[in-house]
């Protein structure tokens, strides 16, 4: 689903020559949450909904010495999604002080309708188009290698190992380089987590939750992430239960260079173990389709790939090769903030 990618947008990085080493070993797990995806299609004048059309798993690892690692695996389940649509993505951000490395993959489609989405993911020969990003982020800049490639159309977010099989055979990576403005986060997940924690802290202190802003780098652009219309939510009922003492905000993501804007909203905890944890998030990528993510830690979602040492090592080796073997480099000057 195109909407699923909006929550995962921001990918790419690995260790290569000149980078400050970031440990490849798994960090201690801080928290992990699962979500079910509820999809809705507009048919003429009515919305038709379907429960559990896919799922997501968000993972946060931390070590006092080695930093943070945030990951998100999200996608549709072809057996439950409308007409078998199989769209998914995975992102992992490893941050140590001002250095970071990021890896991401996603299915690629920019469809205006459900039929176009299905056709874009399967061109008739049993293969679909995917995109991959590996990036190295330093305190001053970011270098990213990007690749578009094909893989079997039936590869879902439950078999990322099969996607890596296809990805490892490609060598035609293209490089992007951008300066990193001071104060920007090294990826979307890191920026989003920081913003939620800041708003939750204000809520616990009994202070009015102000509109908040942060920024992050991704690929060849700087993005502004804003939280507007922040308001308390006394109670929220979902299929997984009733949650209390939440905060809801409307978010916008703006590409400084291209000017495009993405909007979504999220309700998240203000205290306790769920402080700063999204409980529900909604995104409508087009007039005909919207999705909602509901926290449901009992939902059946694939394991986070980095929990498997074999997959982690394959990703690290793949990105190291991608950044070392880049063919074409495009240098982009980041646009200044207009705030």
Protein backbone atom coordinates (compact mmCIF):
# COMPACT_ATOMS: atom_id res chain seq x y z
CA UNK A 1 0.00 0.00 0.00
CA UNK A 2 1.25 3.42 -0.88
CA UNK A 3 -0.03 4.66 2.49
CA UNK A 4 2.03 2.15 4.41
CA UNK A 5 5.19 3.61 2.94
CA UNK A 6 4.42 7.05 4.31
CA UNK A 7 5.02 5.78 7.84
CA UNK A 8 8.26 4.20 6.77
CA UNK A 9 9.64 6.91 4.50
CA UNK A 10 13.29 7.53 5.24
CA UNK A 11 15.76 4.83 4.41
CA UNK A 12 19.30 3.91 3.63
CA UNK A 13 22.84 3.55 5.13
CA UNK A 14 25.72 1.26 5.95
CA UNK A 15 29.39 1.18 6.96
CA UNK A 16 31.91 1.96 4.26
CA UNK A 17 35.33 3.56 3.97
CA UNK A 18 35.65 6.73 6.01
CA UNK A 19 32.59 6.12 8.19
CA UNK A 20 32.77 6.05 11.96
CA UNK A 21 32.06 2.41 12.88
CA UNK A 22 28.57 1.61 14.10
CA UNK A 23 28.31 -1.78 15.83
CA UNK A 24 26.65 -4.50 13.76
CA UNK A 25 25.61 -6.52 16.81
CA UNK A 26 22.06 -6.33 18.07
CA UNK A 27 21.42 -3.81 20.83
CA UNK A 28 19.26 -4.65 23.89
CA UNK A 29 15.53 -4.47 23.15
CA UNK A 30 13.74 -1.53 24.78
CA UNK A 31 10.27 -1.96 23.32
CA UNK A 32 8.44 -3.68 20.49
CA UNK A 33 4.86 -3.19 19.35
CA UNK A 34 2.66 -4.74 16.70
CA UNK A 35 -0.13 -3.14 14.68
CA UNK A 36 -2.98 -4.29 12.50
CA UNK A 37 -3.79 -2.38 9.33
CA UNK A 38 -7.41 -1.53 8.59
CA UNK A 39 -7.96 -0.56 4.96
CA UNK A 40 -10.85 1.36 3.41
CA UNK A 41 -11.79 1.76 -0.25
CA UNK A 42 -14.16 4.36 -1.64
CA UNK A 43 -16.72 2.80 -3.98
CA UNK A 44 -18.78 5.56 -5.56
CA UNK A 45 -20.03 7.57 -2.55
CA UNK A 46 -19.35 4.99 0.17
CA UNK A 47 -16.36 3.75 2.12
CA UNK A 48 -15.99 -0.02 2.33
CA UNK A 49 -13.64 -1.23 5.07
CA UNK A 50 -11.65 -4.40 5.64
CA UNK A 51 -10.02 -5.35 8.93
CA UNK A 52 -6.52 -6.80 9.25
CA UNK A 53 -5.45 -6.28 5.61
CA UNK A 54 -1.87 -6.26 6.86
CA UNK A 55 0.30 -5.49 9.83
CA UNK A 56 3.33 -3.68 11.18
CA UNK A 57 6.01 -4.23 13.81
CA UNK A 58 7.91 -1.31 15.36
CA UNK A 59 11.10 -2.09 17.29
CA UNK A 60 13.31 0.10 19.46
CA UNK A 61 16.68 -1.05 20.73
CA UNK A 62 19.05 1.02 22.88
CA UNK A 63 22.44 0.77 24.53
CA UNK A 64 24.06 3.44 26.70
CA UNK A 65 27.29 3.10 24.69
CA UNK A 66 26.24 2.13 21.20
CA UNK A 67 23.16 4.35 20.75
CA UNK A 68 19.72 3.60 19.33
CA UNK A 69 18.25 1.37 16.66
CA UNK A 70 14.73 1.95 15.36
CA UNK A 71 13.06 -0.35 12.84
CA UNK A 72 9.69 -0.66 11.17
CA UNK A 73 8.37 -3.56 9.10
CA UNK A 74 5.00 -2.83 7.52
CA UNK A 75 2.93 -4.30 4.74
CA UNK A 76 -0.24 -5.77 3.33
CA UNK A 77 -1.15 -9.43 3.53
CA UNK A 78 -1.96 -10.57 -0.04
CA UNK A 79 -4.38 -13.18 1.30
CA UNK A 80 -6.48 -10.47 2.98
CA UNK A 81 -5.82 -7.24 1.08
CA UNK A 82 -8.20 -6.14 -1.71
CA UNK A 83 -7.48 -8.11 -4.90
CA UNK A 84 -4.32 -9.52 -3.40
CA UNK A 85 -2.39 -6.25 -3.35
CA UNK A 86 1.06 -6.99 -1.94
CA UNK A 87 2.80 -3.76 -0.96
CA UNK A 88 5.25 -3.45 1.89
CA UNK A 89 8.43 -1.87 3.22
CA UNK A 90 11.12 -2.18 5.86
CA UNK A 91 13.38 0.47 7.39
CA UNK A 92 16.14 0.28 10.00
CA UNK A 93 17.93 3.29 11.46
CA UNK A 94 21.04 2.72 13.59
CA UNK A 95 22.20 5.86 15.37
CA UNK A 96 25.34 6.44 17.42
CA UNK A 97 25.87 10.03 18.56
CA UNK A 98 25.94 12.11 15.34
CA UNK A 99 26.66 9.11 13.11
CA UNK A 100 24.08 6.73 11.68
CA UNK A 101 23.45 4.06 9.11
CA UNK A 102 20.11 3.27 7.57
CA UNK A 103 18.77 0.51 5.32
CA UNK A 104 15.40 0.37 3.61
CA UNK A 105 13.44 -1.52 0.97
CA UNK A 106 9.91 -1.04 -0.34
CA UNK A 107 7.63 -2.07 -3.13
CA UNK A 108 7.24 0.65 -5.77
CA UNK A 109 3.92 1.87 -7.13
CA UNK A 110 2.41 5.31 -7.67
CA UNK A 111 -1.07 4.26 -8.65
CA UNK A 112 -4.18 6.39 -8.95
CA UNK A 113 -6.53 3.42 -8.49
CA UNK A 114 -6.64 -0.05 -7.02
CA UNK A 115 -6.39 -1.68 -10.45
CA UNK A 116 -3.33 0.41 -11.30
CA UNK A 117 -1.73 -0.48 -7.98
CA UNK A 118 -2.17 -4.17 -8.65
CA UNK A 119 -0.89 -3.87 -12.22
CA UNK A 120 2.15 -1.83 -11.15
CA UNK A 121 3.19 -4.53 -8.71
CA UNK A 122 2.88 -7.33 -11.25
CA UNK A 123 3.75 -6.55 -14.85
CA UNK A 124 2.59 -9.93 -16.08
CA UNK A 125 5.87 -11.86 -15.86
CA UNK A 126 5.54 -12.73 -12.19
CA UNK A 127 7.88 -9.99 -11.02
CA UNK A 128 7.38 -6.70 -9.17
CA UNK A 129 9.47 -3.54 -8.80
CA UNK A 130 11.18 -2.68 -5.52
CA UNK A 131 13.43 0.12 -4.36
CA UNK A 132 16.36 -0.11 -1.95
CA UNK A 133 18.42 2.52 -0.14
CA UNK A 134 21.66 2.31 1.82
CA UNK A 135 23.03 5.48 3.45
CA UNK A 136 25.87 6.72 5.61
CA UNK A 137 25.07 9.73 7.79
CA UNK A 138 27.73 11.83 9.51
CA UNK A 139 27.42 15.03 11.51
CA UNK A 140 28.07 17.04 8.33
CA UNK A 141 26.55 15.11 5.44
CA UNK A 142 24.80 12.03 4.11
CA UNK A 143 25.75 9.72 1.26
CA UNK A 144 23.06 7.41 -0.10
CA UNK A 145 23.08 4.63 -2.70
CA UNK A 146 19.73 3.85 -4.33
CA UNK A 147 18.61 1.00 -6.57
CA UNK A 148 15.44 -0.04 -8.40
CA UNK A 149 15.23 -3.79 -9.01
CA UNK A 150 12.75 -6.59 -9.64
CA UNK A 151 11.88 -9.57 -7.47
CA UNK A 152 9.17 -12.24 -7.54
CA UNK A 153 5.78 -10.54 -7.21
CA UNK A 154 4.70 -12.94 -4.46
CA UNK A 155 7.52 -11.90 -2.09
CA UNK A 156 5.71 -10.47 0.92
CA UNK A 157 6.89 -8.84 4.15
CA UNK A 158 6.92 -12.32 5.66
CA UNK A 159 9.87 -13.38 3.46
CA UNK A 160 12.38 -10.55 3.36
CA UNK A 161 15.10 -13.17 2.89
CA UNK A 162 13.74 -13.84 -0.62
CA UNK A 163 13.91 -10.13 -1.40
CA UNK A 164 17.54 -10.03 -0.27
CA UNK A 165 18.26 -12.96 -2.62
CA UNK A 166 17.17 -10.77 -5.54
CA UNK A 167 18.76 -7.57 -4.20
CA UNK A 168 22.20 -9.13 -3.72
CA UNK A 169 22.53 -9.90 -7.44
CA UNK A 170 22.43 -6.22 -8.48
CA UNK A 171 25.42 -3.87 -8.75
CA UNK A 172 24.04 -0.76 -10.52
CA UNK A 173 23.59 1.50 -7.51
CA UNK A 174 23.33 5.27 -7.95
CA UNK A 175 24.71 7.64 -5.35
CA UNK A 176 23.31 10.82 -3.79
CA UNK A 177 25.19 13.21 -1.53
CA UNK A 178 23.69 16.00 0.58
CA UNK A 179 24.91 18.26 3.35
CA UNK A 180 23.24 17.67 6.71
CA UNK A 181 22.00 20.89 8.33
CA UNK A 182 22.65 21.25 12.05
CA UNK A 183 19.89 19.86 14.24
CA UNK A 184 18.42 17.46 11.69
CA UNK A 185 17.74 13.84 12.62
CA UNK A 186 19.34 11.04 10.53
CA UNK A 187 15.96 9.57 9.51
CA UNK A 188 12.18 9.69 9.79
CA UNK A 189 11.82 7.11 12.56
CA UNK A 190 14.34 8.89 14.77
CA UNK A 191 12.70 12.27 14.16
CA UNK A 192 9.17 10.95 14.71
CA UNK A 193 10.10 9.15 17.93
CA UNK A 194 11.81 12.28 19.29
CA UNK A 195 8.80 14.45 18.47
CA UNK A 196 6.33 12.08 20.15
CA UNK A 197 8.47 11.87 23.29
CA UNK A 198 8.68 15.67 23.49
CA UNK A 199 4.91 16.09 23.20
CA UNK A 200 4.23 13.29 25.70
CA UNK A 201 6.59 14.91 28.22
CA UNK A 202 4.67 18.18 27.97
CA UNK A 203 1.38 16.34 28.46
CA UNK A 204 2.62 14.57 31.60
CA UNK A 205 3.79 17.87 33.05
CA UNK A 206 0.33 19.33 32.58
CA UNK A 207 1.56 21.94 30.14
CA UNK A 208 -0.41 22.76 26.99
CA UNK A 209 1.04 20.71 24.15
CA UNK A 210 2.43 23.24 21.67
CA UNK A 211 2.74 22.69 17.97
CA UNK A 212 6.12 21.01 17.52
CA UNK A 213 8.67 20.73 14.74
CA UNK A 214 11.75 18.73 13.86
CA UNK A 215 13.61 17.92 10.65
CA UNK A 216 15.42 14.95 9.17
CA UNK A 217 17.51 13.98 6.14
CA UNK A 218 16.53 11.29 3.65
CA UNK A 219 18.05 10.36 0.30
CA UNK A 220 18.77 13.75 -1.31
CA UNK A 221 16.49 16.07 0.65
CA UNK A 222 15.79 17.60 4.02
CA UNK A 223 12.28 17.08 5.37
CA UNK A 224 10.38 19.13 7.95
CA UNK A 225 8.15 17.13 10.29
CA UNK A 226 5.49 19.23 12.04
CA UNK A 227 2.92 18.32 14.68
CA UNK A 228 -0.11 20.63 14.55
CA UNK A 229 -3.46 20.76 16.34
CA UNK A 230 -2.15 18.81 19.34
CA UNK A 231 -4.95 17.90 21.75
CA UNK A 232 -5.57 15.53 24.67
CA UNK A 233 -7.68 12.40 24.19
CA UNK A 234 -9.24 11.02 27.36
CA UNK A 235 -10.16 7.63 25.88
CA UNK A 236 -9.75 5.73 22.63
CA UNK A 237 -11.35 2.37 21.86
CA UNK A 238 -9.86 0.02 19.28
CA UNK A 239 -10.32 -3.64 18.49
CA UNK A 240 -7.52 -4.42 20.94
CA UNK A 241 -9.09 -2.61 23.91
CA UNK A 242 -9.54 0.80 25.50
CA UNK A 243 -6.63 3.20 25.91
CA UNK A 244 -6.69 6.27 28.18
CA UNK A 245 -4.77 9.50 28.64
CA UNK A 246 -3.56 9.96 25.08
CA UNK A 247 -2.52 12.83 22.86
CA UNK A 248 -3.60 13.26 19.26
CA UNK A 249 -1.83 15.39 16.66
CA UNK A 250 -1.99 16.08 12.95
CA UNK A 251 1.38 15.74 11.25
CA UNK A 252 2.78 17.15 8.04
CA UNK A 253 5.98 16.16 6.25
CA UNK A 254 7.39 18.71 3.81
CA UNK A 255 10.20 18.15 1.35
CA UNK A 256 12.27 21.36 1.45
CA UNK A 257 13.73 20.83 -2.01
CA UNK A 258 10.68 19.65 -3.93
CA UNK A 259 7.95 21.18 -1.81
CA UNK A 260 5.72 18.10 -1.62
CA UNK A 261 3.62 17.64 1.53
CA UNK A 262 2.36 14.45 3.19
CA UNK A 263 -0.26 14.53 5.95
CA UNK A 264 -1.29 11.96 8.56
CA UNK A 265 -2.55 11.93 12.13
CA UNK A 266 -1.66 9.84 15.16
CA UNK A 267 -2.84 9.27 18.73
CA UNK A 268 -0.17 8.18 21.19
CA UNK A 269 0.31 7.53 24.89
CA UNK A 270 1.17 10.32 27.31
CA UNK A 271 2.34 8.28 30.30
CA UNK A 272 3.56 4.90 31.50
CA UNK A 273 4.87 2.18 29.21
CA UNK A 274 2.95 3.66 26.24
CA UNK A 275 4.34 7.20 26.59
CA UNK A 276 5.20 8.37 23.09
CA UNK A 277 4.00 5.08 21.55
CA UNK A 278 1.53 5.44 18.65
CA UNK A 279 -1.80 3.81 19.51
CA UNK A 280 -3.56 4.65 16.27
CA UNK A 281 -2.45 6.38 13.06
CA UNK A 282 -4.43 7.26 9.95
CA UNK A 283 -3.26 8.16 6.46
CA UNK A 284 -5.18 8.76 3.22
CA UNK A 285 -2.81 8.70 0.23
CA UNK A 286 -5.53 9.16 -2.39
CA UNK A 287 -9.21 9.88 -2.84
CA UNK A 288 -10.00 6.18 -3.14
CA UNK A 289 -7.92 4.64 -0.37
CA UNK A 290 -6.96 5.21 3.25
CA UNK A 291 -5.46 3.07 5.99
CA UNK A 292 -5.45 3.04 9.77
CA UNK A 293 -2.89 1.39 12.01
CA UNK A 294 -4.19 0.13 15.37
CA UNK A 295 -1.90 -1.00 18.17
CA UNK A 296 -2.50 -4.72 18.74
CA UNK A 297 0.38 -6.60 20.36
CA UNK A 298 -1.44 -9.91 19.87
CA UNK A 299 -1.64 -9.51 16.09
CA UNK A 300 0.32 -11.94 13.91
CA UNK A 301 3.13 -9.87 12.34
CA UNK A 302 6.45 -11.20 10.99
CA UNK A 303 9.50 -10.89 13.21
CA UNK A 304 11.71 -7.82 12.81
CA UNK A 305 14.45 -8.89 10.35
CA UNK A 306 17.34 -7.48 12.39
CA UNK A 307 16.47 -9.90 15.16
CA UNK A 308 17.94 -12.57 12.90
CA UNK A 309 21.75 -12.33 12.99
CA UNK A 310 22.02 -13.92 9.54
CA UNK A 311 19.72 -11.35 7.92
CA UNK A 312 21.44 -8.51 9.77
CA UNK A 313 24.84 -9.57 8.48
CA UNK A 314 23.52 -9.90 4.92
CA UNK A 315 22.09 -6.36 5.03
CA UNK A 316 25.28 -4.88 6.45
CA UNK A 317 27.43 -6.59 3.80
CA UNK A 318 25.04 -5.58 1.01
CA UNK A 319 25.07 -1.91 2.00
CA UNK A 320 28.84 -1.85 2.41
CA UNK A 321 29.19 -3.07 -1.20
CA UNK A 322 26.54 -0.64 -2.44
CA UNK A 323 28.25 2.40 -0.97
CA UNK A 324 31.72 1.31 -2.08
CA UNK A 325 30.62 0.47 -5.66
CA UNK A 326 28.47 3.51 -6.43
CA UNK A 327 28.68 4.51 -10.09
CA UNK A 328 27.22 7.99 -10.36
CA UNK A 329 27.23 10.70 -7.71
CA UNK A 330 24.79 13.59 -7.62
CA UNK A 331 25.51 16.38 -5.14
CA UNK A 332 22.44 18.22 -3.89
CA UNK A 333 22.40 21.42 -1.86
CA UNK A 334 19.80 21.23 0.93
CA UNK A 335 17.14 23.92 0.83
CA UNK A 336 16.91 26.18 3.89
CA UNK A 337 14.01 25.89 6.26
CA UNK A 338 11.14 28.27 5.64
CA UNK A 339 9.95 28.16 9.23
